[in-house]
Amino acid sequence: MHSDPMERRRYPRSRRSVSLIHDDEGPGVLNHVDNISASGVLCHTVKPVPLMMKIGMALEMPKPCARRIDAEGVVVRCEQDEMGDDRFQVAILFTHIAPEDQQALEAFVENDLQCPDAED
């Protein structure tokens, strides 16, 4: 049995910059996106977020996707950032996302993996 978390992932991830427009917990709870896939997102926060907390968010995707994606998800992991400051990494699993938005995310990640030097 493998313990590599990468092998459990159903969808590949992109580390390209994605703008987080808002989340339903108020300004500043989710700061920025570290990586994104069709199944979820890894964000930074200034404070810990409880596991299984429901969060709604809007993401502004860069080209070639160039669209706003509204999604809801639950927090599946919250860990203090490796930098040792007061920020946390929060993994959110999408629980509600429109099929066309999920397909757009898949295309965005696939394009990013094929063209890693693409501009925002």
PDB file of N, CA and C in Angstrom:
ATOM      1  N   MET A   1       0.847  -1.171   0.000  1.00  0.00           N
ATOM      2  CA  MET A   1       0.000   0.000   0.000  1.00  0.00           C
ATOM      3  C   MET A   1       0.892   1.233   0.000  1.00  0.00           C
ATOM      4  N   HIS A   2       0.500   2.239  -0.824  1.00  0.00           N
ATOM      5  CA  HIS A   2       1.260   3.477  -0.920  1.00  0.00           C
ATOM      6  C   HIS A   2       0.659   4.528  -0.005  1.00  0.00           C
ATOM      7  N   SER A   3       1.531   5.321   0.605  1.00  0.00           N
ATOM      8  CA  SER A   3       1.043   6.402   1.461  1.00  0.00           C
ATOM      9  C   SER A   3       1.214   7.764   0.792  1.00  0.00           C
ATOM     10  N   ASP A   4       1.625   7.770  -0.470  1.00  0.00           N
ATOM     11  CA  ASP A   4       1.822   9.014  -1.202  1.00  0.00           C
ATOM     12  C   ASP A   4       0.472   9.668  -1.477  1.00  0.00           C
ATOM     13  N   PRO A   5       0.220  10.880  -0.925  1.00  0.00           N
ATOM     14  CA  PRO A   5      -1.076  11.528  -1.124  1.00  0.00           C
ATOM     15  C   PRO A   5      -1.343  11.877  -2.579  1.00  0.00           C
ATOM     16  N   MET A   6      -0.304  12.041  -3.383  1.00  0.00           N
ATOM     17  CA  MET A   6      -0.495  12.354  -4.792  1.00  0.00           C
ATOM     18  C   MET A   6      -1.234  11.224  -5.504  1.00  0.00           C
ATOM     19  N   GLU A   7      -1.033   9.984  -5.075  1.00  0.00           N
ATOM     20  CA  GLU A   7      -1.667   8.851  -5.730  1.00  0.00           C
ATOM     21  C   GLU A   7      -3.155   8.777  -5.438  1.00  0.00           C
ATOM     22  N   ARG A   8      -3.628   9.439  -4.404  1.00  0.00           N
ATOM     23  CA  ARG A   8      -5.046   9.425  -4.066  1.00  0.00           C
ATOM     24  C   ARG A   8      -5.831  10.454  -4.864  1.00  0.00           C
ATOM     25  N   ARG A   9      -5.150  11.397  -5.466  1.00  0.00           N
ATOM     26  CA  ARG A   9      -5.832  12.478  -6.167  1.00  0.00           C
ATOM     27  C   ARG A   9      -6.471  11.978  -7.451  1.00  0.00           C
ATOM     28  N   ARG A  10      -7.715  12.350  -7.604  1.00  0.00           N
ATOM     29  CA  ARG A  10      -8.459  11.971  -8.800  1.00  0.00           C
ATOM     30  C   ARG A  10      -8.145  12.914  -9.958  1.00  0.00           C
ATOM     31  N   TYR A  11      -7.875  14.176  -9.643  1.00  0.00           N
ATOM     32  CA  TYR A  11      -7.616  15.192 -10.656  1.00  0.00           C
ATOM     33  C   TYR A  11      -6.240  15.814 -10.438  1.00  0.00           C
ATOM     34  N   PRO A  12      -5.519  16.113 -11.523  1.00  0.00           N
ATOM     35  CA  PRO A  12      -4.242  16.826 -11.375  1.00  0.00           C
ATOM     36  C   PRO A  12      -4.481  18.256 -10.904  1.00  0.00           C
ATOM     37  N   ARG A  13      -3.412  18.887 -10.409  1.00  0.00           N
ATOM     38  CA  ARG A  13      -3.525  20.234  -9.844  1.00  0.00           C
ATOM     39  C   ARG A  13      -2.648  21.223 -10.597  1.00  0.00           C
ATOM     40  N   SER A  14      -3.103  22.472 -10.582  1.00  0.00           N
ATOM     41  CA  SER A  14      -2.345  23.583 -11.156  1.00  0.00           C
ATOM     42  C   SER A  14      -1.911  24.501 -10.024  1.00  0.00           C
ATOM     43  N   ARG A  15      -0.684  25.006 -10.115  1.00  0.00           N
ATOM     44  CA  ARG A  15      -0.185  25.978  -9.139  1.00  0.00           C
ATOM     45  C   ARG A  15      -0.235  27.394  -9.707  1.00  0.00           C
ATOM     46  N   ARG A  16      -0.843  27.562 -10.856  1.00  0.00           N
ATOM     47  CA  ARG A  16      -0.940  28.881 -11.487  1.00  0.00           C
ATOM     48  C   ARG A  16      -1.867  29.783 -10.686  1.00  0.00           C
ATOM     49  N   SER A  17      -1.593  31.059 -10.723  1.00  0.00           N
ATOM     50  CA  SER A  17      -2.355  32.031  -9.944  1.00  0.00           C
ATOM     51  C   SER A  17      -3.829  32.067 -10.340  1.00  0.00           C
ATOM     52  N   VAL A  18      -4.676  31.991  -9.331  1.00  0.00           N
ATOM     53  CA  VAL A  18      -6.126  32.091  -9.496  1.00  0.00           C
ATOM     54  C   VAL A  18      -6.604  33.104  -8.468  1.00  0.00           C
ATOM     55  N   SER A  19      -7.451  34.030  -8.890  1.00  0.00           N
ATOM     56  CA  SER A  19      -7.950  35.057  -7.969  1.00  0.00           C
ATOM     57  C   SER A  19      -9.167  34.554  -7.217  1.00  0.00           C
ATOM     58  N   LEU A  20      -9.129  34.720  -5.916  1.00  0.00           N
ATOM     59  CA  LEU A  20     -10.263  34.395  -5.065  1.00  0.00           C
ATOM     60  C   LEU A  20     -11.047  35.682  -4.881  1.00  0.00           C
ATOM     61  N   ILE A  21     -12.225  35.757  -5.493  1.00  0.00           N
ATOM     62  CA  ILE A  21     -13.015  36.983  -5.435  1.00  0.00           C
ATOM     63  C   ILE A  21     -13.602  37.169  -4.048  1.00  0.00           C
ATOM     64  N   HIS A  22     -14.246  36.157  -3.543  1.00  0.00           N
ATOM     65  CA  HIS A  22     -14.813  36.245  -2.194  1.00  0.00           C
ATOM     66  C   HIS A  22     -15.119  34.850  -1.679  1.00  0.00           C
ATOM     67  N   ASP A  23     -15.322  34.799  -0.392  1.00  0.00           N
ATOM     68  CA  ASP A  23     -15.840  33.584   0.223  1.00  0.00           C
ATOM     69  C   ASP A  23     -16.948  34.017   1.160  1.00  0.00           C
ATOM     70  N   ASP A  24     -17.824  33.116   1.500  1.00  0.00           N
ATOM     71  CA  ASP A  24     -19.002  33.496   2.290  1.00  0.00           C
ATOM     72  C   ASP A  24     -18.723  33.668   3.774  1.00  0.00           C
ATOM     73  N   GLU A  25     -17.474  33.535   4.182  1.00  0.00           N
ATOM     74  CA  GLU A  25     -17.126  33.737   5.591  1.00  0.00           C
ATOM     75  C   GLU A  25     -16.641  35.153   5.850  1.00  0.00           C
ATOM     76  N   GLY A  26     -16.695  36.005   4.839  1.00  0.00           N
ATOM     77  CA  GLY A  26     -16.288  37.395   5.011  1.00  0.00           C
ATOM     78  C   GLY A  26     -14.918  37.655   4.438  1.00  0.00           C
ATOM     79  N   PRO A  27     -14.573  38.933   4.274  1.00  0.00           N
ATOM     80  CA  PRO A  27     -13.299  39.288   3.656  1.00  0.00           C
ATOM     81  C   PRO A  27     -12.107  38.813   4.474  1.00  0.00           C
ATOM     82  N   GLY A  28     -11.125  38.265   3.765  1.00  0.00           N
ATOM     83  CA  GLY A  28      -9.866  37.922   4.408  1.00  0.00           C
ATOM     84  C   GLY A  28      -9.775  36.549   5.032  1.00  0.00           C
ATOM     85  N   VAL A  29     -10.863  35.792   5.070  1.00  0.00           N
ATOM     86  CA  VAL A  29     -10.758  34.457   5.650  1.00  0.00           C
ATOM     87  C   VAL A  29      -9.900  33.586   4.742  1.00  0.00           C
ATOM     88  N   LEU A  30     -10.238  33.544   3.461  1.00  0.00           N
ATOM     89  CA  LEU A  30      -9.401  32.848   2.488  1.00  0.00           C
ATOM     90  C   LEU A  30      -8.580  33.901   1.760  1.00  0.00           C
ATOM     91  N   ASN A  31      -7.247  33.803   1.864  1.00  0.00           N
ATOM     92  CA  ASN A  31      -6.392  34.843   1.292  1.00  0.00           C
ATOM     93  C   ASN A  31      -6.041  34.624  -0.164  1.00  0.00           C
ATOM     94  N   HIS A  32      -5.369  33.534  -0.467  1.00  0.00           N
ATOM     95  CA  HIS A  32      -4.993  33.274  -1.849  1.00  0.00           C
ATOM     96  C   HIS A  32      -4.959  31.780  -2.109  1.00  0.00           C
ATOM     97  N   VAL A  33      -5.014  31.449  -3.375  1.00  0.00           N
ATOM     98  CA  VAL A  33      -5.054  30.056  -3.809  1.00  0.00           C
ATOM     99  C   VAL A  33      -3.632  29.571  -4.071  1.00  0.00           C
ATOM    100  N   ASP A  34      -3.259  28.439  -3.461  1.00  0.00           N
ATOM    101  CA  ASP A  34      -1.959  27.814  -3.722  1.00  0.00           C
ATOM    102  C   ASP A  34      -2.025  26.908  -4.936  1.00  0.00           C
ATOM    103  N   ASN A  35      -3.066  26.078  -4.988  1.00  0.00           N
ATOM    104  CA  ASN A  35      -3.262  25.223  -6.151  1.00  0.00           C
ATOM    105  C   ASN A  35      -4.735  24.872  -6.271  1.00  0.00           C
ATOM    106  N   ILE A  36      -5.101  24.413  -7.461  1.00  0.00           N
ATOM    107  CA  ILE A  36      -6.509  24.145  -7.738  1.00  0.00           C
ATOM    108  C   ILE A  36      -6.626  22.943  -8.662  1.00  0.00           C
ATOM    109  N   SER A  37      -7.714  22.210  -8.499  1.00  0.00           N
ATOM    110  CA  SER A  37      -8.046  21.106  -9.397  1.00  0.00           C
ATOM    111  C   SER A  37      -9.548  21.137  -9.622  1.00  0.00           C
ATOM    112  N   ALA A  38     -10.034  20.203 -10.409  1.00  0.00           N
ATOM    113  CA  ALA A  38     -11.473  20.121 -10.656  1.00  0.00           C
ATOM    114  C   ALA A  38     -12.227  19.636  -9.425  1.00  0.00           C
ATOM    115  N   SER A  39     -11.507  19.136  -8.416  1.00  0.00           N
ATOM    116  CA  SER A  39     -12.185  18.616  -7.223  1.00  0.00           C
ATOM    117  C   SER A  39     -12.000  19.474  -5.976  1.00  0.00           C
ATOM    118  N   GLY A  40     -11.101  20.468  -6.030  1.00  0.00           N
ATOM    119  CA  GLY A  40     -10.900  21.279  -4.838  1.00  0.00           C
ATOM    120  C   GLY A  40      -9.806  22.304  -5.000  1.00  0.00           C
ATOM    121  N   VAL A  41      -9.529  22.973  -3.883  1.00  0.00           N
ATOM    122  CA  VAL A  41      -8.583  24.078  -3.895  1.00  0.00           C
ATOM    123  C   VAL A  41      -7.805  24.094  -2.575  1.00  0.00           C
ATOM    124  N   LEU A  42      -6.550  24.523  -2.638  1.00  0.00           N
ATOM    125  CA  LEU A  42      -5.732  24.712  -1.441  1.00  0.00           C
ATOM    126  C   LEU A  42      -5.499  26.206  -1.296  1.00  0.00           C
ATOM    127  N   CYS A  43      -5.958  26.776  -0.173  1.00  0.00           N
ATOM    128  CA  CYS A  43      -5.880  28.220   0.079  1.00  0.00           C
ATOM    129  C   CYS A  43      -5.046  28.494   1.318  1.00  0.00           C
ATOM    130  N   HIS A  44      -4.654  29.759   1.484  1.00  0.00           N
ATOM    131  CA  HIS A  44      -4.045  30.236   2.721  1.00  0.00           C
ATOM    132  C   HIS A  44      -5.069  31.058   3.481  1.00  0.00           C
ATOM    133  N   THR A  45      -5.010  30.983   4.795  1.00  0.00           N
ATOM    134  CA  THR A  45      -5.875  31.784   5.655  1.00  0.00           C
ATOM    135  C   THR A  45      -5.027  32.413   6.754  1.00  0.00           C
ATOM    136  N   VAL A  46      -5.595  33.413   7.427  1.00  0.00           N
ATOM    137  CA  VAL A  46      -4.885  34.046   8.534  1.00  0.00           C
ATOM    138  C   VAL A  46      -5.225  33.390   9.861  1.00  0.00           C
ATOM    139  N   LYS A  47      -6.242  32.556   9.866  1.00  0.00           N
ATOM    140  CA  LYS A  47      -6.633  31.862  11.098  1.00  0.00           C
ATOM    141  C   LYS A  47      -7.079  30.448  10.743  1.00  0.00           C
ATOM    142  N   PRO A  48      -7.028  29.537  11.693  1.00  0.00           N
ATOM    143  CA  PRO A  48      -7.451  28.164  11.397  1.00  0.00           C
ATOM    144  C   PRO A  48      -8.943  28.106  11.084  1.00  0.00           C
ATOM    145  N   VAL A  49      -9.295  27.142  10.253  1.00  0.00           N
ATOM    146  CA  VAL A  49     -10.685  26.941   9.862  1.00  0.00           C
ATOM    147  C   VAL A  49     -11.072  25.525  10.289  1.00  0.00           C
ATOM    148  N   PRO A  50     -12.217  25.368  10.958  1.00  0.00           N
ATOM    149  CA  PRO A  50     -12.614  24.041  11.435  1.00  0.00           C
ATOM    150  C   PRO A  50     -12.824  23.035  10.299  1.00  0.00           C
ATOM    151  N   LEU A  51     -12.432  21.798  10.551  1.00  0.00           N
ATOM    152  CA  LEU A  51     -12.676  20.727   9.588  1.00  0.00           C
ATOM    153  C   LEU A  51     -14.167  20.565   9.347  1.00  0.00           C
ATOM    154  N   MET A  52     -14.515  20.243   8.128  1.00  0.00           N
ATOM    155  CA  MET A  52     -15.883  20.019   7.653  1.00  0.00           C
ATOM    156  C   MET A  52     -16.725  21.290   7.614  1.00  0.00           C
ATOM    157  N   MET A  53     -16.106  22.449   7.846  1.00  0.00           N
ATOM    158  CA  MET A  53     -16.831  23.712   7.716  1.00  0.00           C
ATOM    159  C   MET A  53     -17.193  23.918   6.245  1.00  0.00           C
ATOM    160  N   LYS A  54     -18.429  24.332   5.991  1.00  0.00           N
ATOM    161  CA  LYS A  54     -18.874  24.607   4.625  1.00  0.00           C
ATOM    162  C   LYS A  54     -18.451  26.019   4.237  1.00  0.00           C
ATOM    163  N   ILE A  55     -17.900  26.150   3.031  1.00  0.00           N
ATOM    164  CA  ILE A  55     -17.444  27.446   2.534  1.00  0.00           C
ATOM    165  C   ILE A  55     -17.898  27.605   1.088  1.00  0.00           C
ATOM    166  N   GLY A  56     -18.497  28.756   0.800  1.00  0.00           N
ATOM    167  CA  GLY A  56     -18.825  29.114  -0.576  1.00  0.00           C
ATOM    168  C   GLY A  56     -17.780  30.095  -1.070  1.00  0.00           C
ATOM    169  N   MET A  57     -17.450  30.023  -2.348  1.00  0.00           N
ATOM    170  CA  MET A  57     -16.418  30.911  -2.885  1.00  0.00           C
ATOM    171  C   MET A  57     -16.671  31.207  -4.352  1.00  0.00           C
ATOM    172  N   ALA A  58     -16.088  32.301  -4.803  1.00  0.00           N
ATOM    173  CA  ALA A  58     -16.086  32.661  -6.217  1.00  0.00           C
ATOM    174  C   ALA A  58     -14.634  32.817  -6.640  1.00  0.00           C
ATOM    175  N   LEU A  59     -14.278  32.178  -7.730  1.00  0.00           N
ATOM    176  CA  LEU A  59     -12.916  32.212  -8.248  1.00  0.00           C
ATOM    177  C   LEU A  59     -12.917  32.868  -9.619  1.00  0.00           C
ATOM    178  N   GLU A  60     -11.969  33.753  -9.854  1.00  0.00           N
ATOM    179  CA  GLU A  60     -11.817  34.390 -11.167  1.00  0.00           C
ATOM    180  C   GLU A  60     -10.670  33.682 -11.874  1.00  0.00           C
ATOM    181  N   MET A  61     -11.014  32.892 -12.870  1.00  0.00           N
ATOM    182  CA  MET A  61     -10.024  32.081 -13.560  1.00  0.00           C
ATOM    183  C   MET A  61      -9.346  32.888 -14.665  1.00  0.00           C
ATOM    184  N   PRO A  62      -8.015  32.754 -14.792  1.00  0.00           N
ATOM    185  CA  PRO A  62      -7.306  33.440 -15.875  1.00  0.00           C
ATOM    186  C   PRO A  62      -7.493  32.708 -17.207  1.00  0.00           C
ATOM    187  N   LYS A  63      -6.931  33.273 -18.264  1.00  0.00           N
ATOM    188  CA  LYS A  63      -6.968  32.622 -19.575  1.00  0.00           C
ATOM    189  C   LYS A  63      -6.271  31.282 -19.482  1.00  0.00           C
ATOM    190  N   PRO A  64      -6.623  30.281 -20.233  1.00  0.00           N
ATOM    191  CA  PRO A  64      -7.631  30.283 -21.284  1.00  0.00           C
ATOM    192  C   PRO A  64      -9.055  30.082 -20.765  1.00  0.00           C
ATOM    193  N   CYS A  65      -9.213  29.828 -19.510  1.00  0.00           N
ATOM    194  CA  CYS A  65     -10.543  29.608 -18.928  1.00  0.00           C
ATOM    195  C   CYS A  65     -11.328  30.919 -18.886  1.00  0.00           C
ATOM    196  N   ALA A  66     -10.725  31.964 -18.342  1.00  0.00           N
ATOM    197  CA  ALA A  66     -11.282  33.320 -18.291  1.00  0.00           C
ATOM    198  C   ALA A  66     -12.765  33.350 -17.954  1.00  0.00           C
ATOM    199  N   ARG A  67     -13.085  32.879 -16.774  1.00  0.00           N
ATOM    200  CA  ARG A  67     -14.474  32.886 -16.327  1.00  0.00           C
ATOM    201  C   ARG A  67     -14.523  32.914 -14.812  1.00  0.00           C
ATOM    202  N   ARG A  68     -15.666  33.290 -14.299  1.00  0.00           N
ATOM    203  CA  ARG A  68     -15.911  33.251 -12.857  1.00  0.00           C
ATOM    204  C   ARG A  68     -16.520  31.888 -12.543  1.00  0.00           C
ATOM    205  N   ILE A  69     -16.001  31.278 -11.492  1.00  0.00           N
ATOM    206  CA  ILE A  69     -16.517  29.983 -11.054  1.00  0.00           C
ATOM    207  C   ILE A  69     -17.003  30.131  -9.625  1.00  0.00           C
ATOM    208  N   ASP A  70     -18.272  29.814  -9.425  1.00  0.00           N
ATOM    209  CA  ASP A  70     -18.856  29.794  -8.084  1.00  0.00           C
ATOM    210  C   ASP A  70     -18.907  28.350  -7.627  1.00  0.00           C
ATOM    211  N   ALA A  71     -18.447  28.105  -6.411  1.00  0.00           N
ATOM    212  CA  ALA A  71     -18.415  26.741  -5.890  1.00  0.00           C
ATOM    213  C   ALA A  71     -18.644  26.752  -4.387  1.00  0.00           C
ATOM    214  N   GLU A  72     -19.066  25.619  -3.892  1.00  0.00           N
ATOM    215  CA  GLU A  72     -19.171  25.391  -2.455  1.00  0.00           C
ATOM    216  C   GLU A  72     -18.325  24.173  -2.131  1.00  0.00           C
ATOM    217  N   GLY A  73     -17.801  24.159  -0.918  1.00  0.00           N
ATOM    218  CA  GLY A  73     -16.985  23.031  -0.516  1.00  0.00           C
ATOM    219  C   GLY A  73     -16.919  22.904   0.988  1.00  0.00           C
ATOM    220  N   VAL A  74     -16.194  21.873   1.431  1.00  0.00           N
ATOM    221  CA  VAL A  74     -15.976  21.661   2.859  1.00  0.00           C
ATOM    222  C   VAL A  74     -14.475  21.575   3.114  1.00  0.00           C
ATOM    223  N   VAL A  75     -14.075  22.056   4.278  1.00  0.00           N
ATOM    224  CA  VAL A  75     -12.674  22.012   4.683  1.00  0.00           C
ATOM    225  C   VAL A  75     -12.331  20.576   5.065  1.00  0.00           C
ATOM    226  N   VAL A  76     -11.330  20.021   4.382  1.00  0.00           N
ATOM    227  CA  VAL A  76     -10.912  18.652   4.675  1.00  0.00           C
ATOM    228  C   VAL A  76      -9.541  18.603   5.350  1.00  0.00           C
ATOM    229  N   ARG A  77      -8.838  19.738   5.351  1.00  0.00           N
ATOM    230  CA  ARG A  77      -7.540  19.795   6.031  1.00  0.00           C
ATOM    231  C   ARG A  77      -7.230  21.244   6.360  1.00  0.00           C
ATOM    232  N   CYS A  78      -6.652  21.474   7.535  1.00  0.00           N
ATOM    233  CA  CYS A  78      -6.195  22.805   7.938  1.00  0.00           C
ATOM    234  C   CYS A  78      -4.911  22.612   8.743  1.00  0.00           C
ATOM    235  N   GLU A  79      -3.806  23.121   8.185  1.00  0.00           N
ATOM    236  CA  GLU A  79      -2.506  22.949   8.829  1.00  0.00           C
ATOM    237  C   GLU A  79      -1.768  24.279   8.867  1.00  0.00           C
ATOM    238  N   GLN A  80      -0.985  24.481   9.922  1.00  0.00           N
ATOM    239  CA  GLN A  80      -0.178  25.695   9.982  1.00  0.00           C
ATOM    240  C   GLN A  80       0.809  25.682   8.824  1.00  0.00           C
ATOM    241  N   ASP A  81       0.999  26.847   8.212  1.00  0.00           N
ATOM    242  CA  ASP A  81       1.895  26.988   7.067  1.00  0.00           C
ATOM    243  C   ASP A  81       3.319  26.627   7.468  1.00  0.00           C
ATOM    244  N   GLU A  82       4.063  26.052   6.532  1.00  0.00           N
ATOM    245  CA  GLU A  82       5.453  25.663   6.780  1.00  0.00           C
ATOM    246  C   GLU A  82       6.334  26.849   7.153  1.00  0.00           C
ATOM    247  N   MET A  83       5.934  28.042   6.775  1.00  0.00           N
ATOM    248  CA  MET A  83       6.728  29.237   7.064  1.00  0.00           C
ATOM    249  C   MET A  83       6.745  29.546   8.559  1.00  0.00           C
ATOM    250  N   GLY A  84       5.833  28.965   9.319  1.00  0.00           N
ATOM    251  CA  GLY A  84       5.830  29.155  10.754  1.00  0.00           C
ATOM    252  C   GLY A  84       5.192  30.451  11.209  1.00  0.00           C
ATOM    253  N   ASP A  85       4.565  31.181  10.284  1.00  0.00           N
ATOM    254  CA  ASP A  85       3.902  32.412  10.707  1.00  0.00           C
ATOM    255  C   ASP A  85       2.468  32.096  11.138  1.00  0.00           C
ATOM    256  N   ASP A  86       1.623  33.109  11.157  1.00  0.00           N
ATOM    257  CA  ASP A  86       0.268  32.892  11.666  1.00  0.00           C
ATOM    258  C   ASP A  86      -0.719  32.531  10.555  1.00  0.00           C
ATOM    259  N   ARG A  87      -0.206  31.980   9.478  1.00  0.00           N
ATOM    260  CA  ARG A  87      -1.085  31.614   8.382  1.00  0.00           C
ATOM    261  C   ARG A  87      -1.255  30.104   8.319  1.00  0.00           C
ATOM    262  N   PHE A  88      -2.363  29.709   7.714  1.00  0.00           N
ATOM    263  CA  PHE A  88      -2.709  28.295   7.638  1.00  0.00           C
ATOM    264  C   PHE A  88      -3.013  27.899   6.201  1.00  0.00           C
ATOM    265  N   GLN A  89      -2.712  26.647   5.877  1.00  0.00           N
ATOM    266  CA  GLN A  89      -3.104  26.080   4.593  1.00  0.00           C
ATOM    267  C   GLN A  89      -4.406  25.327   4.805  1.00  0.00           C
ATOM    268  N   VAL A  90      -5.389  25.628   3.966  1.00  0.00           N
ATOM    269  CA  VAL A  90      -6.711  25.029   4.095  1.00  0.00           C
ATOM    270  C   VAL A  90      -7.069  24.335   2.789  1.00  0.00           C
ATOM    271  N   ALA A  91      -7.307  23.032   2.858  1.00  0.00           N
ATOM    272  CA  ALA A  91      -7.728  22.257   1.690  1.00  0.00           C
ATOM    273  C   ALA A  91      -9.248  22.168   1.696  1.00  0.00           C
ATOM    274  N   ILE A  92      -9.846  22.547   0.573  1.00  0.00           N
ATOM    275  CA  ILE A  92     -11.300  22.548   0.441  1.00  0.00           C
ATOM    276  C   ILE A  92     -11.692  21.609  -0.690  1.00  0.00           C
ATOM    277  N   LEU A  93     -12.552  20.662  -0.384  1.00  0.00           N
ATOM    278  CA  LEU A  93     -13.092  19.727  -1.369  1.00  0.00           C
ATOM    279  C   LEU A  93     -14.405  20.295  -1.878  1.00  0.00           C
ATOM    280  N   PHE A  94     -14.522  20.487  -3.199  1.00  0.00           N
ATOM    281  CA  PHE A  94     -15.768  21.005  -3.745  1.00  0.00           C
ATOM    282  C   PHE A  94     -16.900  20.010  -3.520  1.00  0.00           C
ATOM    283  N   THR A  95     -18.016  20.505  -3.006  1.00  0.00           N
ATOM    284  CA  THR A  95     -19.212  19.677  -2.829  1.00  0.00           C
ATOM    285  C   THR A  95     -20.319  20.102  -3.773  1.00  0.00           C
ATOM    286  N   HIS A  96     -20.225  21.331  -4.280  1.00  0.00           N
ATOM    287  CA  HIS A  96     -21.205  21.812  -5.250  1.00  0.00           C
ATOM    288  C   HIS A  96     -20.500  22.719  -6.243  1.00  0.00           C
ATOM    289  N   ILE A  97     -20.438  22.258  -7.483  1.00  0.00           N
ATOM    290  CA  ILE A  97     -19.847  23.029  -8.570  1.00  0.00           C
ATOM    291  C   ILE A  97     -20.568  22.607  -9.838  1.00  0.00           C
ATOM    292  N   ALA A  98     -20.924  23.569 -10.658  1.00  0.00           N
ATOM    293  CA  ALA A  98     -21.635  23.265 -11.898  1.00  0.00           C
ATOM    294  C   ALA A  98     -20.757  22.389 -12.795  1.00  0.00           C
ATOM    295  N   PRO A  99     -21.354  21.407 -13.469  1.00  0.00           N
ATOM    296  CA  PRO A  99     -20.569  20.522 -14.337  1.00  0.00           C
ATOM    297  C   PRO A  99     -19.723  21.281 -15.364  1.00  0.00           C
ATOM    298  N   GLU A 100     -20.269  22.365 -15.939  1.00  0.00           N
ATOM    299  CA  GLU A 100     -19.493  23.120 -16.929  1.00  0.00           C
ATOM    300  C   GLU A 100     -18.319  23.845 -16.273  1.00  0.00           C
ATOM    301  N   ASP A 101     -18.461  24.246 -15.006  1.00  0.00           N
ATOM    302  CA  ASP A 101     -17.346  24.869 -14.288  1.00  0.00           C
ATOM    303  C   ASP A 101     -16.277  23.833 -13.956  1.00  0.00           C
ATOM    304  N   GLN A 102     -16.701  22.641 -13.584  1.00  0.00           N
ATOM    305  CA  GLN A 102     -15.744  21.575 -13.300  1.00  0.00           C
ATOM    306  C   GLN A 102     -14.970  21.209 -14.573  1.00  0.00           C
ATOM    307  N   GLN A 103     -15.666  21.157 -15.705  1.00  0.00           N
ATOM    308  CA  GLN A 103     -14.993  20.877 -16.975  1.00  0.00           C
ATOM    309  C   GLN A 103     -14.014  21.994 -17.329  1.00  0.00           C
ATOM    310  N   ALA A 104     -14.403  23.242 -17.058  1.00  0.00           N
ATOM    311  CA  ALA A 104     -13.506  24.372 -17.321  1.00  0.00           C
ATOM    312  C   ALA A 104     -12.250  24.278 -16.454  1.00  0.00           C
ATOM    313  N   LEU A 105     -12.410  23.858 -15.199  1.00  0.00           N
ATOM    314  CA  LEU A 105     -11.245  23.681 -14.324  1.00  0.00           C
ATOM    315  C   LEU A 105     -10.335  22.569 -14.840  1.00  0.00           C
ATOM    316  N   GLU A 106     -10.925  21.466 -15.287  1.00  0.00           N
ATOM    317  CA  GLU A 106     -10.123  20.375 -15.853  1.00  0.00           C
ATOM    318  C   GLU A 106      -9.316  20.871 -17.045  1.00  0.00           C
ATOM    319  N   ALA A 107      -9.961  21.640 -17.934  1.00  0.00           N
ATOM    320  CA  ALA A 107      -9.278  22.170 -19.117  1.00  0.00           C
ATOM    321  C   ALA A 107      -8.178  23.151 -18.715  1.00  0.00           C
ATOM    322  N   PHE A 108      -8.443  23.988 -17.712  1.00  0.00           N
ATOM    323  CA  PHE A 108      -7.459  24.951 -17.225  1.00  0.00           C
ATOM    324  C   PHE A 108      -6.215  24.229 -16.710  1.00  0.00           C
ATOM    325  N   VAL A 109      -6.413  23.216 -15.873  1.00  0.00           N
ATOM    326  CA  VAL A 109      -5.280  22.483 -15.303  1.00  0.00           C
ATOM    327  C   VAL A 109      -4.521  21.744 -16.401  1.00  0.00           C
ATOM    328  N   GLU A 110      -5.243  21.102 -17.308  1.00  0.00           N
ATOM    329  CA  GLU A 110      -4.588  20.379 -18.402  1.00  0.00           C
ATOM    330  C   GLU A 110      -3.736  21.334 -19.235  1.00  0.00           C
ATOM    331  N   ASN A 111      -4.285  22.497 -19.566  1.00  0.00           N
ATOM    332  CA  ASN A 111      -3.537  23.492 -20.330  1.00  0.00           C
ATOM    333  C   ASN A 111      -2.309  23.958 -19.548  1.00  0.00           C
ATOM    334  N   ASP A 112      -2.469  24.179 -18.251  1.00  0.00           N
ATOM    335  CA  ASP A 112      -1.360  24.634 -17.414  1.00  0.00           C
ATOM    336  C   ASP A 112      -0.246  23.595 -17.358  1.00  0.00           C
ATOM    337  N   LEU A 113      -0.607  22.332 -17.276  1.00  0.00           N
ATOM    338  CA  LEU A 113       0.401  21.276 -17.216  1.00  0.00           C
ATOM    339  C   LEU A 113       1.136  21.128 -18.549  1.00  0.00           C
ATOM    340  N   GLN A 114       0.434  21.407 -19.653  1.00  0.00           N
ATOM    341  CA  GLN A 114       1.062  21.316 -20.970  1.00  0.00           C
ATOM    342  C   GLN A 114       1.888  22.553 -21.294  1.00  0.00           C
ATOM    343  N   CYS A 115       1.479  23.713 -20.764  1.00  0.00           N
ATOM    344  CA  CYS A 115       2.154  24.996 -21.031  1.00  0.00           C
ATOM    345  C   CYS A 115       2.428  25.698 -19.709  1.00  0.00           C
ATOM    346  N   PRO A 116       3.366  25.208 -18.903  1.00  0.00           N
ATOM    347  CA  PRO A 116       3.568  25.761 -17.555  1.00  0.00           C
ATOM    348  C   PRO A 116       4.029  27.212 -17.528  1.00  0.00           C
ATOM    349  N   ASP A 117       4.522  27.749 -18.635  1.00  0.00           N
ATOM    350  CA  ASP A 117       4.990  29.136 -18.652  1.00  0.00           C
ATOM    351  C   ASP A 117       3.936  30.100 -19.157  1.00  0.00           C
ATOM    352  N   ALA A 118       2.677  29.655 -19.239  1.00  0.00           N
ATOM    353  CA  ALA A 118       1.600  30.512 -19.741  1.00  0.00           C
ATOM    354  C   ALA A 118       1.423  31.714 -18.825  1.00  0.00           C
ATOM    355  N   GLU A 119       1.076  32.841 -19.408  1.00  0.00           N
ATOM    356  CA  GLU A 119       0.841  34.073 -18.652  1.00  0.00           C
ATOM    357  C   GLU A 119      -0.578  34.108 -18.146  1.00  0.00           C
ATOM    358  N   ASP A 120      -0.800  34.847 -17.049  1.00  0.00           N
ATOM    359  CA  ASP A 120      -2.148  35.044 -16.520  1.00  0.00           C
ATOM    360  C   ASP A 120      -2.920  35.989 -17.405  1.00  0.00           C
TER     361      ASP A 120
END
